[in-house]
Amino acid sequence: MKRLNPKYFLFVSIIWLMSVEFGYSQNISDSLLVSYDLGEIVVFESYKFKNQKEEKKYKSLEEDLRAIYPIIQIVRDEYSRVSKELEMYYEGDREKKFLKWYENYARESYMHHLMVLNVRQGKLFLKMVSRELSYSPFELIKKYRNGFSAFIWQGTARFFKVNLKLKYVKDEQSMIEHVMRKLDAEYHYFTN
């Protein structure tokens, strides 16, 4: 009696499992011609490091960006949502009430995400807010609160050696841009 080749058995088992999984009631020979769309695969060129110190900085930056990336996505989505809501209100009391309500809602819903960030991640988060929304944090506070509040927050931030008025310039942040392109591709790959 001739022994069955284990590779052949494995191949036939996989084909049979695929036919059961995808609901094919045809025989095995018909299932061999099934195609499956894997989606887009993005390949990145690795970042060119000048020295080991820069490589260490890159790894640290990537770790920090991975920690704050979900929060950045929330900020971008919530900003879009608030902007659409504010278009429905006229200047005045209704808009102020909505902004006051939303401030309390955001504090209750998202503050715990920000409280776990270390100082380096907090500074990076402010920089990424500027990148995602095209406004500096100072401009956002001034727009949605008032100039006095923005001034107070800027003074508090300066105490921690942070400038809320700094705008994000993509050309000056090649390392951050490289990591963010990688994270964006990973995020979109796993969510689609």
Protein backbone atom coordinates (compact mmCIF):
# COMPACT_ATOMS: atom_id res chain seq x y z
CA MET A 1 0.00 0.00 0.00
CA LYS A 2 1.28 3.44 -0.94
CA ARG A 3 1.64 6.13 1.78
CA LEU A 4 -0.17 9.46 1.36
CA ASN A 5 2.21 12.39 1.04
CA PRO A 6 1.63 14.71 4.05
CA LYS A 7 2.08 17.83 1.85
CA TYR A 8 -0.71 16.66 -0.45
CA PHE A 9 -2.96 15.95 2.54
CA LEU A 10 -2.27 19.43 3.97
CA PHE A 11 -2.97 21.09 0.61
CA VAL A 12 -6.28 19.26 0.14
CA SER A 13 -7.28 20.04 3.75
CA ILE A 14 -6.62 23.75 3.27
CA ILE A 15 -8.62 23.81 0.03
CA TRP A 16 -11.50 21.97 1.70
CA LEU A 17 -11.44 24.39 4.71
CA MET A 18 -11.44 27.39 2.37
CA SER A 19 -14.41 25.99 0.47
CA VAL A 20 -16.32 25.46 3.73
CA GLU A 21 -15.27 28.88 5.15
CA PHE A 22 -16.27 30.85 2.05
CA GLY A 23 -19.44 28.84 1.48
CA TYR A 24 -18.53 27.07 -1.74
CA SER A 25 -20.60 23.99 -2.36
CA GLN A 26 -18.72 23.07 -5.51
CA ASN A 27 -16.26 20.25 -5.61
CA ILE A 28 -12.60 20.77 -4.70
CA SER A 29 -11.35 21.13 -8.27
CA ASP A 30 -13.68 24.11 -8.86
CA SER A 31 -12.50 25.81 -5.67
CA LEU A 32 -8.91 25.97 -6.87
CA LEU A 33 -9.72 28.85 -9.22
CA VAL A 34 -11.09 31.14 -6.47
CA SER A 35 -9.35 34.51 -6.17
CA TYR A 36 -9.16 36.60 -3.05
CA ASP A 37 -8.49 40.36 -2.92
CA LEU A 38 -5.88 41.14 -0.27
CA GLY A 39 -6.17 44.89 -0.62
CA GLU A 40 -3.45 47.47 -1.02
CA ILE A 41 -0.05 46.84 0.52
CA VAL A 42 2.05 49.91 1.25
CA VAL A 43 5.83 49.59 1.27
CA PHE A 44 7.95 52.29 2.89
CA GLU A 45 11.56 53.08 2.35
CA SER A 46 13.35 52.86 5.67
CA TYR A 47 14.44 56.11 7.27
CA LYS A 48 18.10 56.98 6.67
CA PHE A 49 19.87 57.51 9.98
CA LYS A 50 22.99 59.66 10.25
CA ASN A 51 24.19 57.92 13.41
CA GLN A 52 23.09 55.67 16.26
CA LYS A 53 21.86 58.61 18.31
CA GLU A 54 19.41 59.55 15.56
CA GLU A 55 18.22 55.94 15.30
CA LYS A 56 17.54 55.90 19.04
CA LYS A 57 15.65 59.19 18.73
CA TYR A 58 13.57 57.73 15.88
CA LYS A 59 12.62 54.65 17.92
CA SER A 60 11.67 56.81 20.88
CA LEU A 61 9.63 59.09 18.62
CA GLU A 62 7.86 56.13 17.05
CA GLU A 63 6.99 54.73 20.48
CA ASP A 64 5.59 58.11 21.59
CA LEU A 65 3.60 58.57 18.37
CA ARG A 66 2.13 55.08 18.70
CA ALA A 67 0.99 56.03 22.21
CA ILE A 68 -0.72 59.25 21.11
CA TYR A 69 -1.91 58.21 17.63
CA PRO A 70 -5.40 57.05 18.77
CA ILE A 71 -5.88 60.31 20.68
CA ILE A 72 -4.86 62.30 17.62
CA GLN A 73 -7.49 60.47 15.57
CA ILE A 74 -10.12 61.29 18.21
CA VAL A 75 -9.13 64.97 18.19
CA ARG A 76 -9.37 65.15 14.40
CA ASP A 77 -12.79 63.46 14.34
CA GLU A 78 -14.17 65.51 17.23
CA TYR A 79 -12.92 68.77 15.70
CA SER A 80 -14.73 67.91 12.48
CA ARG A 81 -17.87 67.05 14.44
CA VAL A 82 -17.80 70.29 16.47
CA SER A 83 -17.18 72.39 13.35
CA LYS A 84 -20.23 70.86 11.65
CA GLU A 85 -22.36 71.39 14.76
CA LEU A 86 -21.30 75.02 15.07
CA GLU A 87 -22.35 75.71 11.49
CA MET A 88 -25.94 75.11 12.61
CA TYR A 89 -25.78 77.71 15.38
CA TYR A 90 -25.73 81.44 15.00
CA GLU A 91 -23.27 83.56 16.94
CA GLY A 92 -24.50 84.10 20.44
CA ASP A 93 -26.05 82.22 23.32
CA ARG A 94 -26.78 78.90 21.60
CA GLU A 95 -23.22 78.62 20.32
CA LYS A 96 -21.78 79.49 23.74
CA LYS A 97 -24.04 76.94 25.45
CA PHE A 98 -23.04 74.26 22.98
CA LEU A 99 -19.32 75.02 23.43
CA LYS A 100 -19.68 74.95 27.22
CA TRP A 101 -21.56 71.65 27.03
CA TYR A 102 -18.99 70.21 24.63
CA GLU A 103 -16.08 71.30 26.83
CA ASN A 104 -17.57 69.38 29.77
CA TYR A 105 -18.33 66.39 27.54
CA ALA A 106 -14.77 66.31 26.16
CA ARG A 107 -13.26 66.66 29.63
CA GLU A 108 -15.31 63.74 30.97
CA SER A 109 -14.83 61.56 27.89
CA TYR A 110 -11.22 62.10 26.93
CA MET A 111 -9.24 63.65 29.79
CA HIS A 112 -8.23 60.24 31.14
CA HIS A 113 -6.46 59.56 27.81
CA LEU A 114 -4.38 62.70 28.22
CA MET A 115 -3.57 62.17 31.89
CA VAL A 116 -1.47 59.07 31.14
CA LEU A 117 0.86 60.91 28.75
CA ASN A 118 4.32 61.85 29.95
CA VAL A 119 5.71 65.36 29.35
CA ARG A 120 7.50 64.40 26.11
CA GLN A 121 4.33 62.79 24.75
CA GLY A 122 2.28 65.81 25.82
CA LYS A 123 4.55 68.19 23.90
CA LEU A 124 4.42 65.90 20.89
CA PHE A 125 0.63 65.70 21.18
CA LEU A 126 0.35 69.50 20.96
CA LYS A 127 2.58 69.48 17.90
CA MET A 128 0.42 66.78 16.29
CA VAL A 129 -2.77 68.73 17.02
CA SER A 130 -1.26 71.58 15.04
CA ARG A 131 -0.36 69.13 12.24
CA GLU A 132 -3.80 67.53 12.05
CA LEU A 133 -5.98 70.63 12.37
CA SER A 134 -3.75 73.23 10.66
CA TYR A 135 -4.22 75.51 13.67
CA SER A 136 -1.89 75.96 16.59
CA PRO A 137 -3.38 75.06 20.00
CA PHE A 138 -3.24 78.76 20.90
CA GLU A 139 -5.39 79.64 17.86
CA LEU A 140 -7.90 76.91 18.75
CA ILE A 141 -8.28 78.13 22.32
CA LYS A 142 -8.64 81.71 21.10
CA LYS A 143 -11.22 80.68 18.49
CA TYR A 144 -13.41 78.56 20.77
CA ARG A 145 -12.89 80.25 24.13
CA ASN A 146 -11.43 83.75 23.99
CA GLY A 147 -8.15 85.63 23.80
CA PHE A 148 -7.78 85.90 27.56
CA SER A 149 -8.10 82.13 28.03
CA ALA A 150 -5.57 81.57 25.26
CA PHE A 151 -3.18 83.99 26.98
CA ILE A 152 -3.58 82.18 30.34
CA TRP A 153 -3.04 78.75 28.74
CA GLN A 154 0.00 80.05 26.87
CA GLY A 155 1.47 81.32 30.15
CA THR A 156 0.85 77.97 31.81
CA ALA A 157 2.39 76.12 28.87
CA ARG A 158 5.46 78.38 28.90
CA PHE A 159 5.99 77.35 32.52
CA PHE A 160 6.46 73.79 31.17
CA LYS A 161 8.67 75.07 28.33
CA VAL A 162 5.98 74.58 25.67
CA ASN A 163 4.85 77.19 23.17
CA LEU A 164 1.21 76.82 22.14
CA LYS A 165 1.69 79.32 19.31
CA LEU A 166 4.12 77.17 17.30
CA LYS A 167 2.80 76.02 13.95
CA TYR A 168 3.71 72.60 12.60
CA VAL A 169 5.84 72.78 9.44
CA LYS A 170 5.99 69.43 7.62
CA ASP A 171 9.25 70.19 5.83
CA GLU A 172 11.08 70.62 9.14
CA GLN A 173 9.77 67.39 10.66
CA SER A 174 10.92 64.63 8.30
CA MET A 175 11.27 62.04 11.06
CA ILE A 176 7.77 62.68 12.41
CA GLU A 177 6.32 62.64 8.90
CA HIS A 178 7.96 59.28 8.16
CA VAL A 179 6.56 57.71 11.33
CA MET A 180 3.11 59.23 10.75
CA ARG A 181 2.93 57.91 7.18
CA LYS A 182 3.76 54.48 8.55
CA LEU A 183 1.16 54.74 11.32
CA ASP A 184 -1.50 56.06 8.93
CA ALA A 185 -0.89 53.10 6.60
CA GLU A 186 -1.08 50.61 9.49
CA TYR A 187 -4.23 52.22 10.89
CA HIS A 188 -6.02 52.25 7.53
CA TYR A 189 -4.89 48.71 6.74
CA PHE A 190 -6.34 47.28 9.94
CA THR A 191 -9.55 49.34 9.91
CA ASN A 192 -10.53 48.62 6.30
